[in-house]
Structure formats: structure tokens, C-alpha cells
N, C-alpha and C. Protein backbone atom coordinates (compact mmCIF):
# COMPACT_ATOMS: atom_id res chain seq x y z
N MET A 1 0.84 -1.18 0.00
CA MET A 1 0.00 0.00 0.00
C MET A 1 0.88 1.24 0.00
N LYS A 2 0.62 2.17 -0.89
CA LYS A 2 1.39 3.41 -0.99
C LYS A 2 1.04 4.34 0.17
N LYS A 3 2.07 4.81 0.84
CA LYS A 3 1.85 5.73 1.95
C LYS A 3 1.64 7.14 1.40
N SER A 4 0.57 7.77 1.79
CA SER A 4 0.25 9.11 1.32
C SER A 4 1.02 10.15 2.11
N ASN A 5 1.51 11.16 1.43
CA ASN A 5 2.22 12.26 2.08
C ASN A 5 1.18 13.13 2.78
N PRO A 6 1.36 13.41 4.08
CA PRO A 6 0.34 14.15 4.81
C PRO A 6 0.25 15.64 4.46
N LEU A 7 1.28 16.20 3.88
CA LEU A 7 1.26 17.64 3.56
C LEU A 7 1.21 17.83 2.05
N LYS A 8 0.06 18.14 1.57
CA LYS A 8 -0.13 18.34 0.14
C LYS A 8 -0.75 19.70 -0.11
N PRO A 9 -0.54 20.28 -1.30
CA PRO A 9 -1.21 21.54 -1.59
C PRO A 9 -2.71 21.41 -1.34
N GLY A 10 -3.28 22.42 -0.76
CA GLY A 10 -4.68 22.39 -0.40
C GLY A 10 -4.86 22.18 1.08
N ASP A 11 -3.87 21.54 1.73
CA ASP A 11 -3.90 21.41 3.19
C ASP A 11 -3.64 22.79 3.78
N ASN A 12 -3.92 22.94 5.06
CA ASN A 12 -3.66 24.22 5.71
C ASN A 12 -2.18 24.56 5.76
N ASN A 13 -1.33 23.53 5.69
CA ASN A 13 0.11 23.75 5.82
C ASN A 13 0.80 24.17 4.52
N LEU A 14 0.28 23.79 3.38
CA LEU A 14 0.90 24.10 2.11
C LEU A 14 -0.14 24.65 1.14
N LYS A 15 0.32 25.49 0.24
CA LYS A 15 -0.55 26.07 -0.78
C LYS A 15 0.01 25.75 -2.15
N GLY A 16 -0.76 26.07 -3.18
CA GLY A 16 -0.31 25.87 -4.55
C GLY A 16 0.78 26.84 -4.91
N VAL A 17 1.31 26.66 -6.11
CA VAL A 17 2.37 27.53 -6.61
C VAL A 17 2.32 27.54 -8.14
N GLY A 18 2.59 28.70 -8.72
CA GLY A 18 2.72 28.82 -10.17
C GLY A 18 4.19 28.71 -10.55
N ILE A 19 4.49 27.81 -11.46
CA ILE A 19 5.86 27.61 -11.93
C ILE A 19 5.88 28.11 -13.38
N TRP A 20 6.36 29.34 -13.56
CA TRP A 20 6.27 30.03 -14.84
C TRP A 20 7.52 29.77 -15.67
N MET A 21 7.37 28.98 -16.75
CA MET A 21 8.49 28.68 -17.63
C MET A 21 8.44 29.59 -18.84
N THR A 22 9.50 30.36 -19.00
CA THR A 22 9.60 31.33 -20.09
C THR A 22 10.85 31.05 -20.91
N GLY A 23 10.77 31.30 -22.20
CA GLY A 23 11.90 31.10 -23.10
C GLY A 23 11.41 31.16 -24.53
N LEU A 24 12.35 31.10 -25.44
CA LEU A 24 12.03 31.15 -26.86
C LEU A 24 11.20 29.94 -27.31
N SER A 25 10.53 30.08 -28.42
CA SER A 25 9.84 28.96 -29.03
C SER A 25 10.87 27.88 -29.33
N GLY A 26 10.61 26.66 -28.91
CA GLY A 26 11.54 25.56 -29.15
C GLY A 26 12.59 25.38 -28.06
N ALA A 27 12.53 26.20 -27.02
CA ALA A 27 13.52 26.09 -25.95
C ALA A 27 13.32 24.85 -25.10
N GLY A 28 12.07 24.37 -25.00
CA GLY A 28 11.79 23.17 -24.22
C GLY A 28 10.81 23.36 -23.09
N LYS A 29 10.10 24.48 -23.08
CA LYS A 29 9.16 24.79 -22.00
C LYS A 29 8.07 23.73 -21.88
N THR A 30 7.44 23.40 -22.97
CA THR A 30 6.35 22.42 -22.95
C THR A 30 6.86 21.05 -22.53
N THR A 31 7.97 20.62 -23.07
CA THR A 31 8.53 19.32 -22.73
C THR A 31 8.83 19.23 -21.24
N ILE A 32 9.47 20.25 -20.70
CA ILE A 32 9.76 20.27 -19.26
C ILE A 32 8.47 20.26 -18.46
N SER A 33 7.49 21.07 -18.86
CA SER A 33 6.25 21.16 -18.08
C SER A 33 5.49 19.83 -18.09
N ILE A 34 5.52 19.10 -19.19
CA ILE A 34 4.85 17.80 -19.26
C ILE A 34 5.50 16.82 -18.29
N PHE A 35 6.82 16.76 -18.30
CA PHE A 35 7.51 15.82 -17.43
C PHE A 35 7.46 16.26 -15.96
N LEU A 36 7.46 17.57 -15.72
CA LEU A 36 7.31 18.06 -14.36
C LEU A 36 5.92 17.71 -13.83
N GLU A 37 4.91 17.91 -14.66
CA GLU A 37 3.54 17.55 -14.28
C GLU A 37 3.47 16.07 -13.91
N LYS A 38 4.03 15.23 -14.74
CA LYS A 38 4.02 13.79 -14.50
C LYS A 38 4.70 13.45 -13.18
N ARG A 39 5.87 14.03 -12.94
CA ARG A 39 6.61 13.77 -11.69
C ARG A 39 5.80 14.19 -10.47
N LEU A 40 5.20 15.37 -10.53
CA LEU A 40 4.43 15.88 -9.39
C LEU A 40 3.19 15.02 -9.13
N ILE A 41 2.54 14.56 -10.18
CA ILE A 41 1.39 13.67 -10.02
C ILE A 41 1.83 12.36 -9.38
N GLU A 42 2.98 11.83 -9.82
CA GLU A 42 3.52 10.61 -9.22
C GLU A 42 3.81 10.81 -7.73
N MET A 43 4.13 12.04 -7.35
CA MET A 43 4.42 12.38 -5.95
C MET A 43 3.12 12.68 -5.19
N ASP A 44 1.99 12.52 -5.86
CA ASP A 44 0.66 12.68 -5.27
C ASP A 44 0.25 14.13 -5.05
N TYR A 45 0.72 15.03 -5.90
CA TYR A 45 0.31 16.43 -5.83
C TYR A 45 -0.80 16.70 -6.83
N ARG A 46 -1.62 17.67 -6.50
CA ARG A 46 -2.65 18.15 -7.43
C ARG A 46 -1.96 19.12 -8.38
N VAL A 47 -2.06 18.84 -9.68
CA VAL A 47 -1.32 19.60 -10.69
C VAL A 47 -2.24 19.94 -11.86
N GLN A 48 -2.10 21.16 -12.37
CA GLN A 48 -2.80 21.54 -13.61
C GLN A 48 -1.80 22.32 -14.46
N ARG A 49 -1.43 21.74 -15.59
CA ARG A 49 -0.46 22.38 -16.48
C ARG A 49 -1.19 23.33 -17.43
N LEU A 50 -0.63 24.52 -17.61
CA LEU A 50 -1.13 25.49 -18.59
C LEU A 50 -0.05 25.68 -19.64
N ASP A 51 -0.41 25.53 -20.90
CA ASP A 51 0.55 25.61 -22.00
C ASP A 51 0.05 26.59 -23.05
N GLY A 52 0.97 27.41 -23.55
CA GLY A 52 0.62 28.45 -24.51
C GLY A 52 -0.16 27.96 -25.72
N ASP A 53 0.30 26.87 -26.33
CA ASP A 53 -0.38 26.36 -27.53
C ASP A 53 -1.80 25.89 -27.21
N ILE A 54 -1.98 25.25 -26.08
CA ILE A 54 -3.30 24.73 -25.71
C ILE A 54 -4.24 25.87 -25.33
N VAL A 55 -3.74 26.81 -24.53
CA VAL A 55 -4.56 27.94 -24.08
C VAL A 55 -5.05 28.76 -25.27
N ARG A 56 -4.20 28.90 -26.28
CA ARG A 56 -4.57 29.71 -27.45
C ARG A 56 -5.66 29.05 -28.30
N GLN A 57 -5.94 27.78 -28.07
CA GLN A 57 -7.02 27.10 -28.80
C GLN A 57 -8.41 27.53 -28.31
N ASP A 58 -8.51 27.92 -27.04
CA ASP A 58 -9.82 28.26 -26.48
C ASP A 58 -9.82 29.57 -25.71
N LEU A 59 -9.10 29.62 -24.60
CA LEU A 59 -9.14 30.76 -23.70
C LEU A 59 -8.72 32.06 -24.38
N THR A 60 -7.74 32.00 -25.26
CA THR A 60 -7.25 33.21 -25.91
C THR A 60 -7.26 33.10 -27.43
N ALA A 61 -8.18 32.30 -27.95
CA ALA A 61 -8.27 32.09 -29.39
C ALA A 61 -8.56 33.38 -30.15
N ASP A 62 -9.12 34.36 -29.48
CA ASP A 62 -9.47 35.62 -30.12
C ASP A 62 -8.28 36.57 -30.24
N LEU A 63 -7.13 36.18 -29.70
CA LEU A 63 -5.97 37.07 -29.69
C LEU A 63 -4.95 36.69 -30.76
N GLY A 64 -4.27 37.72 -31.27
CA GLY A 64 -3.19 37.50 -32.22
C GLY A 64 -1.85 37.55 -31.51
N PHE A 65 -0.84 38.07 -32.21
CA PHE A 65 0.51 38.07 -31.65
C PHE A 65 1.12 39.46 -31.59
N SER A 66 0.28 40.49 -31.64
CA SER A 66 0.79 41.84 -31.41
C SER A 66 1.21 41.94 -29.95
N LYS A 67 1.97 42.95 -29.61
CA LYS A 67 2.38 43.12 -28.22
C LYS A 67 1.15 43.22 -27.31
N GLU A 68 0.16 43.97 -27.73
CA GLU A 68 -1.05 44.14 -26.93
C GLU A 68 -1.77 42.81 -26.72
N ASP A 69 -1.87 42.00 -27.78
CA ASP A 69 -2.54 40.71 -27.67
C ASP A 69 -1.72 39.74 -26.82
N ARG A 70 -0.40 39.77 -26.96
CA ARG A 70 0.44 38.91 -26.12
C ARG A 70 0.29 39.29 -24.65
N ASP A 71 0.25 40.59 -24.39
CA ASP A 71 0.06 41.06 -23.01
C ASP A 71 -1.28 40.56 -22.47
N ARG A 72 -2.32 40.68 -23.25
CA ARG A 72 -3.66 40.25 -22.83
C ARG A 72 -3.68 38.74 -22.59
N ASN A 73 -2.99 37.99 -23.45
CA ASN A 73 -2.88 36.54 -23.30
C ASN A 73 -2.30 36.20 -21.92
N ILE A 74 -1.20 36.84 -21.56
CA ILE A 74 -0.55 36.57 -20.28
C ILE A 74 -1.44 37.03 -19.12
N GLN A 75 -2.16 38.11 -19.29
CA GLN A 75 -3.07 38.56 -18.23
C GLN A 75 -4.17 37.53 -17.97
N ARG A 76 -4.74 36.98 -19.02
CA ARG A 76 -5.80 35.98 -18.85
C ARG A 76 -5.25 34.71 -18.19
N VAL A 77 -4.12 34.26 -18.69
CA VAL A 77 -3.51 33.06 -18.15
C VAL A 77 -3.12 33.26 -16.69
N SER A 78 -2.61 34.43 -16.36
CA SER A 78 -2.23 34.72 -14.98
C SER A 78 -3.44 34.65 -14.05
N PHE A 79 -4.57 35.13 -14.54
CA PHE A 79 -5.80 35.06 -13.73
C PHE A 79 -6.19 33.61 -13.47
N VAL A 80 -6.15 32.77 -14.50
CA VAL A 80 -6.48 31.36 -14.34
C VAL A 80 -5.49 30.69 -13.39
N ALA A 81 -4.21 30.95 -13.58
CA ALA A 81 -3.19 30.37 -12.70
C ALA A 81 -3.40 30.81 -11.25
N HIS A 82 -3.74 32.06 -11.07
CA HIS A 82 -4.03 32.60 -9.73
C HIS A 82 -5.16 31.82 -9.05
N LEU A 83 -6.23 31.57 -9.79
CA LEU A 83 -7.36 30.82 -9.25
C LEU A 83 -6.94 29.41 -8.85
N LEU A 84 -6.17 28.76 -9.70
CA LEU A 84 -5.72 27.39 -9.43
C LEU A 84 -4.78 27.34 -8.23
N VAL A 85 -3.82 28.25 -8.20
CA VAL A 85 -2.86 28.29 -7.08
C VAL A 85 -3.60 28.49 -5.77
N ASN A 86 -4.60 29.35 -5.77
CA ASN A 86 -5.38 29.60 -4.55
C ASN A 86 -6.20 28.39 -4.12
N GLN A 87 -6.37 27.43 -5.00
CA GLN A 87 -7.06 26.18 -4.66
C GLN A 87 -6.07 25.08 -4.26
N GLY A 88 -4.80 25.46 -4.07
CA GLY A 88 -3.80 24.50 -3.63
C GLY A 88 -3.23 23.63 -4.72
N ILE A 89 -3.31 24.09 -5.94
CA ILE A 89 -2.84 23.30 -7.08
C ILE A 89 -1.47 23.82 -7.52
N VAL A 90 -0.57 22.89 -7.87
CA VAL A 90 0.72 23.24 -8.45
C VAL A 90 0.47 23.45 -9.94
N VAL A 91 0.88 24.61 -10.46
CA VAL A 91 0.52 25.00 -11.83
C VAL A 91 1.78 25.29 -12.66
N PRO A 92 2.29 24.28 -13.38
CA PRO A 92 3.36 24.56 -14.33
C PRO A 92 2.77 25.32 -15.52
N CYS A 93 3.38 26.46 -15.84
CA CYS A 93 2.91 27.32 -16.94
C CYS A 93 4.02 27.43 -17.98
N ALA A 94 3.73 27.07 -19.22
CA ALA A 94 4.72 27.12 -20.29
C ALA A 94 4.30 28.15 -21.33
N PHE A 95 4.90 29.34 -21.25
CA PHE A 95 4.56 30.44 -22.14
C PHE A 95 5.83 31.17 -22.56
N ILE A 96 5.94 31.52 -23.83
CA ILE A 96 7.08 32.30 -24.28
C ILE A 96 7.17 33.55 -23.42
N SER A 97 6.07 34.22 -23.24
CA SER A 97 5.98 35.45 -22.43
C SER A 97 7.25 36.30 -22.60
N PRO A 98 7.41 36.91 -23.77
CA PRO A 98 8.67 37.56 -24.12
C PRO A 98 8.98 38.87 -23.39
N TYR A 99 7.97 39.47 -22.76
CA TYR A 99 8.19 40.80 -22.19
C TYR A 99 8.28 40.75 -20.67
N TRP A 100 9.30 41.38 -20.14
CA TRP A 100 9.53 41.40 -18.71
C TRP A 100 8.31 41.92 -17.96
N GLU A 101 7.71 42.98 -18.45
CA GLU A 101 6.59 43.61 -17.76
C GLU A 101 5.42 42.64 -17.55
N GLU A 102 5.12 41.83 -18.53
CA GLU A 102 4.01 40.88 -18.39
C GLU A 102 4.38 39.71 -17.49
N ARG A 103 5.64 39.31 -17.49
CA ARG A 103 6.05 38.27 -16.54
C ARG A 103 5.95 38.81 -15.11
N GLN A 104 6.26 40.09 -14.93
CA GLN A 104 6.11 40.70 -13.62
C GLN A 104 4.63 40.77 -13.23
N TYR A 105 3.79 41.06 -14.20
CA TYR A 105 2.34 41.05 -13.96
C TYR A 105 1.91 39.66 -13.47
N ALA A 106 2.39 38.62 -14.16
CA ALA A 106 2.04 37.24 -13.77
C ALA A 106 2.52 36.96 -12.35
N ARG A 107 3.72 37.37 -12.03
CA ARG A 107 4.28 37.18 -10.69
C ARG A 107 3.37 37.84 -9.64
N ASP A 108 3.01 39.08 -9.89
CA ASP A 108 2.19 39.84 -8.95
C ASP A 108 0.79 39.24 -8.83
N LYS A 109 0.20 38.82 -9.94
CA LYS A 109 -1.17 38.30 -9.95
C LYS A 109 -1.24 36.92 -9.29
N ILE A 110 -0.30 36.06 -9.62
CA ILE A 110 -0.34 34.69 -9.12
C ILE A 110 0.05 34.63 -7.65
N GLY A 111 1.01 35.44 -7.24
CA GLY A 111 1.42 35.48 -5.84
C GLY A 111 2.51 34.46 -5.54
N ARG A 112 2.14 33.22 -5.34
CA ARG A 112 3.13 32.16 -5.10
C ARG A 112 3.64 31.75 -6.47
N PHE A 113 4.82 32.23 -6.83
CA PHE A 113 5.29 32.24 -8.21
C PHE A 113 6.78 31.93 -8.25
N ILE A 114 7.15 31.06 -9.15
CA ILE A 114 8.56 30.74 -9.41
C ILE A 114 8.79 30.93 -10.91
N GLU A 115 9.76 31.76 -11.24
CA GLU A 115 10.08 31.96 -12.66
C GLU A 115 11.24 31.04 -13.03
N VAL A 116 11.02 30.26 -14.10
CA VAL A 116 12.03 29.36 -14.63
C VAL A 116 12.39 29.86 -16.02
N PHE A 117 13.64 30.30 -16.18
CA PHE A 117 14.11 30.71 -17.50
C PHE A 117 14.62 29.47 -18.21
N VAL A 118 13.92 29.07 -19.26
CA VAL A 118 14.31 27.92 -20.07
C VAL A 118 15.20 28.48 -21.18
N GLU A 119 16.48 28.47 -20.88
CA GLU A 119 17.45 29.12 -21.76
C GLU A 119 17.95 28.14 -22.81
N CYS A 120 17.97 28.61 -24.04
CA CYS A 120 18.44 27.81 -25.17
C CYS A 120 18.83 28.78 -26.29
N PRO A 121 20.01 28.60 -26.87
CA PRO A 121 20.41 29.49 -27.96
C PRO A 121 19.42 29.46 -29.13
N LEU A 122 19.25 30.61 -29.74
CA LEU A 122 18.32 30.74 -30.87
C LEU A 122 18.61 29.69 -31.96
N LYS A 123 19.87 29.47 -32.28
CA LYS A 123 20.22 28.50 -33.33
C LYS A 123 19.73 27.10 -32.99
N VAL A 124 19.81 26.73 -31.73
CA VAL A 124 19.33 25.41 -31.31
C VAL A 124 17.80 25.36 -31.39
N CYS A 125 17.15 26.43 -30.96
CA CYS A 125 15.67 26.49 -31.05
C CYS A 125 15.22 26.34 -32.50
N GLU A 126 15.94 27.00 -33.41
CA GLU A 126 15.58 26.91 -34.82
C GLU A 126 15.74 25.48 -35.35
N LYS A 127 16.77 24.79 -34.90
CA LYS A 127 16.99 23.40 -35.33
C LYS A 127 15.90 22.47 -34.80
N ARG A 128 15.36 22.78 -33.62
CA ARG A 128 14.32 21.96 -33.00
C ARG A 128 12.93 22.25 -33.55
N ASP A 129 12.79 23.26 -34.35
CA ASP A 129 11.48 23.79 -34.76
C ASP A 129 10.72 22.84 -35.67
N VAL A 130 9.92 21.97 -35.07
CA VAL A 130 9.15 20.98 -35.84
C VAL A 130 8.00 21.61 -36.63
N LYS A 131 7.55 22.78 -36.22
CA LYS A 131 6.44 23.44 -36.91
C LYS A 131 6.92 24.33 -38.06
N GLY A 132 8.21 24.55 -38.16
CA GLY A 132 8.74 25.39 -39.23
C GLY A 132 8.46 26.88 -39.05
N LEU A 133 8.19 27.30 -37.82
CA LEU A 133 7.82 28.70 -37.57
C LEU A 133 8.99 29.65 -37.77
N TYR A 134 10.18 29.26 -37.35
CA TYR A 134 11.34 30.13 -37.53
C TYR A 134 11.64 30.34 -39.01
N ALA A 135 11.54 29.29 -39.80
CA ALA A 135 11.77 29.41 -41.24
C ALA A 135 10.75 30.35 -41.87
N LYS A 136 9.49 30.22 -41.45
CA LYS A 136 8.45 31.11 -41.97
C LYS A 136 8.71 32.56 -41.54
N ALA A 137 9.15 32.75 -40.31
CA ALA A 137 9.45 34.10 -39.82
C ALA A 137 10.63 34.70 -40.59
N ARG A 138 11.65 33.91 -40.83
CA ARG A 138 12.83 34.39 -41.57
C ARG A 138 12.49 34.69 -43.03
N ALA A 139 11.50 33.98 -43.57
CA ALA A 139 11.05 34.21 -44.95
C ALA A 139 10.04 35.36 -45.04
N GLY A 140 9.67 35.93 -43.88
CA GLY A 140 8.73 37.04 -43.88
C GLY A 140 7.28 36.63 -43.90
N GLU A 141 7.01 35.33 -43.79
CA GLU A 141 5.64 34.84 -43.81
C GLU A 141 4.94 35.07 -42.46
N ILE A 142 5.70 35.14 -41.39
CA ILE A 142 5.17 35.42 -40.06
C ILE A 142 5.85 36.69 -39.56
N LYS A 143 5.05 37.66 -39.18
CA LYS A 143 5.59 38.93 -38.67
C LYS A 143 5.50 38.95 -37.14
N GLY A 144 6.46 39.61 -36.51
CA GLY A 144 6.45 39.76 -35.06
C GLY A 144 6.78 38.48 -34.32
N PHE A 145 7.63 37.64 -34.91
CA PHE A 145 7.97 36.36 -34.28
C PHE A 145 9.10 36.57 -33.28
N THR A 146 8.86 36.14 -32.04
CA THR A 146 9.83 36.33 -30.96
C THR A 146 11.17 35.69 -31.31
N GLY A 147 12.21 36.50 -31.16
CA GLY A 147 13.57 36.03 -31.43
C GLY A 147 14.04 36.31 -32.84
N VAL A 148 13.08 36.61 -33.75
CA VAL A 148 13.45 36.92 -35.13
C VAL A 148 13.24 38.41 -35.39
N ASP A 149 11.99 38.85 -35.37
CA ASP A 149 11.74 40.29 -35.58
C ASP A 149 10.93 40.90 -34.45
N ASP A 150 10.87 40.21 -33.33
CA ASP A 150 10.26 40.74 -32.11
C ASP A 150 11.18 40.33 -30.96
N PRO A 151 11.37 41.19 -29.99
CA PRO A 151 12.35 40.89 -28.94
C PRO A 151 11.89 39.84 -27.94
N TYR A 152 12.87 39.22 -27.30
CA TYR A 152 12.64 38.41 -26.12
C TYR A 152 13.47 39.05 -25.02
N GLU A 153 12.79 39.53 -23.99
CA GLU A 153 13.48 40.19 -22.88
C GLU A 153 13.87 39.13 -21.85
N ILE A 154 15.15 38.89 -21.74
CA ILE A 154 15.67 37.86 -20.85
C ILE A 154 15.28 38.20 -19.41
N PRO A 155 14.82 37.19 -18.65
CA PRO A 155 14.44 37.44 -17.26
C PRO A 155 15.59 38.08 -16.46
N LYS A 156 15.22 39.01 -15.60
CA LYS A 156 16.23 39.73 -14.81
C LYS A 156 16.73 38.91 -13.63
N ASN A 157 15.84 38.28 -12.90
CA ASN A 157 16.22 37.51 -11.71
C ASN A 157 15.34 36.28 -11.56
N PRO A 158 15.40 35.34 -12.50
CA PRO A 158 14.56 34.14 -12.35
C PRO A 158 15.05 33.31 -11.16
N GLU A 159 14.12 32.63 -10.53
CA GLU A 159 14.50 31.75 -9.43
C GLU A 159 15.33 30.56 -9.93
N ILE A 160 15.02 30.11 -11.14
CA ILE A 160 15.68 28.93 -11.70
C ILE A 160 16.05 29.21 -13.16
N VAL A 161 17.22 28.72 -13.57
CA VAL A 161 17.61 28.75 -14.97
C VAL A 161 18.01 27.34 -15.36
N VAL A 162 17.42 26.84 -16.45
CA VAL A 162 17.84 25.56 -17.01
C VAL A 162 18.34 25.81 -18.42
N HIS A 163 19.40 25.10 -18.80
CA HIS A 163 20.03 25.25 -20.12
C HIS A 163 19.72 23.99 -20.92
N THR A 164 18.66 24.05 -21.73
CA THR A 164 18.19 22.84 -22.39
C THR A 164 19.10 22.34 -23.50
N ASP A 165 20.05 23.13 -23.91
CA ASP A 165 21.01 22.66 -24.90
C ASP A 165 22.18 21.92 -24.25
N LYS A 166 22.27 21.99 -22.92
CA LYS A 166 23.40 21.39 -22.21
C LYS A 166 22.99 20.36 -21.16
N MET A 167 21.72 20.30 -20.83
CA MET A 167 21.25 19.46 -19.74
C MET A 167 20.28 18.40 -20.25
N THR A 168 20.12 17.34 -19.46
CA THR A 168 19.11 16.33 -19.79
C THR A 168 17.76 16.80 -19.24
N LEU A 169 16.71 16.29 -19.81
CA LEU A 169 15.37 16.60 -19.34
C LEU A 169 15.21 16.19 -17.87
N GLU A 170 15.75 15.04 -17.53
CA GLU A 170 15.67 14.56 -16.15
C GLU A 170 16.34 15.55 -15.19
N ASP A 171 17.51 16.06 -15.57
CA ASP A 171 18.22 17.03 -14.72
C ASP A 171 17.44 18.34 -14.60
N GLU A 172 16.85 18.78 -15.69
CA GLU A 172 16.08 20.03 -15.67
C GLU A 172 14.90 19.91 -14.71
N VAL A 173 14.17 18.80 -14.80
CA VAL A 173 13.01 18.59 -13.93
C VAL A 173 13.48 18.44 -12.48
N GLU A 174 14.57 17.74 -12.27
CA GLU A 174 15.09 17.54 -10.91
C GLU A 174 15.49 18.86 -10.26
N ILE A 175 16.07 19.77 -11.02
CA ILE A 175 16.42 21.10 -10.49
C ILE A 175 15.17 21.81 -10.00
N ILE A 176 14.08 21.72 -10.76
CA ILE A 176 12.84 22.38 -10.37
C ILE A 176 12.25 21.70 -9.13
N ILE A 177 12.22 20.38 -9.12
CA ILE A 177 11.70 19.63 -7.96
C ILE A 177 12.53 19.98 -6.71
N ASP A 178 13.85 20.00 -6.85
CA ASP A 178 14.72 20.33 -5.71
C ASP A 178 14.44 21.73 -5.18
N TYR A 179 14.23 22.68 -6.09
CA TYR A 179 13.91 24.05 -5.67
C TYR A 179 12.59 24.07 -4.90
N LEU A 180 11.59 23.38 -5.43
CA LEU A 180 10.28 23.34 -4.76
C LEU A 180 10.41 22.78 -3.35
N LYS A 181 11.21 21.74 -3.19
CA LYS A 181 11.41 21.14 -1.87
C LYS A 181 12.19 22.08 -0.95
N GLU A 182 13.28 22.62 -1.46
CA GLU A 182 14.14 23.50 -0.64
C GLU A 182 13.39 24.74 -0.12
N HIS A 183 12.42 25.21 -0.89
CA HIS A 183 11.68 26.41 -0.52
C HIS A 183 10.28 26.10 0.02
N ASN A 184 10.07 24.82 0.39
CA ASN A 184 8.85 24.37 1.07
C ASN A 184 7.57 24.56 0.25
N TYR A 185 7.68 24.49 -1.07
CA TYR A 185 6.48 24.49 -1.89
C TYR A 185 5.90 23.07 -1.95
N ILE A 186 6.79 22.07 -1.85
CA ILE A 186 6.38 20.68 -1.75
C ILE A 186 7.25 20.04 -0.67
N VAL A 187 6.83 18.87 -0.23
CA VAL A 187 7.61 18.16 0.81
C VAL A 187 8.02 16.79 0.30
């Protein structure tokens, strides 16, 4: 019989947390968030992953990729993450979120917030690009593409930095899990 951990998010002793993964398209945010979600569920935590591609199918389907629309996208997602965190849920969030100001908005709105900079050189991201978005952006077919003709503002003081071009997925997830434990977000 599996022994249940007595301190889980939602208990009076622990609360949820938003784990905000930011980086270029193709850096590995979604991959990390999927494996992090799986690990946390295996550890018996309540988890709800929010991913940019999935959220844009419904919650923010009405938005484009202008700066204003990207800002609004992050504002909506931050509100949802805030609600989930307040219900004691661990919320891995995978969003390019290229602008410092909107990441700060997410931090302020969510409250219990950890910023993870998923760092990866642009050249590596372009090589990983299964959707061909970078090629389309370089050919002028996509305008305002982050890292090509729209800026990505590197996080100023993220709690965690993972280098997906140099680390294994297991190591990246373990760094996040270790941080959560060390700072009493999980036990």
C-alpha cells in the first residue's frame, strides 16, 4: 500500500504555486512542463499544467501576436493560474511570455510564483522547430515572431535557470523539484 504524504497543496500547511516557464519557441518549456507535471502527479500532488499552444485554442483564441494581444494573453492566463494556485494546485505554466513587464504582472497576480528561464540558444531552437515557424518568420511569412523580428526580454532575476542545450530533461526537472522542496512548496 502506498503511503500518502500528509502535507499536500490544499492542506492548511501548504498552498499551490505557479511555476512560470519562459523562453524562446523551441527552448523546451512544454517538454519540461509535461515531465514536471508527471513527476508531481507521481508524488501525489494536485497539478494543472497550462501551456501556450493549448490555451490559445480556447481561452485566448481571439488574440493575435501583437504586443497588446500577447500582453492580454498573459493577463488571462495569470488570472487562471491565480485561481488554481489559490485552490492549492501546483501549476506549471509554459509560455514564451517575451516581455519582462508581463512576466512581472504574472508574478504579482499569481502570488506564489517561481520563474524558470528555459534558456536555449536561438540557433538550437531553430533546429528543433518541428512546426517550421522560424523558417516562416525568416522568410517574412510570419511577422512579429519572438527572437526573429520581435524581442525576447531575458528574465532579470529568475528563481531557476535551465540550459536545455546542455542538460538532460531529467536534470532540468530535478532542479525544479529540488527548488520546490528547498523552498517548502512541496515536501
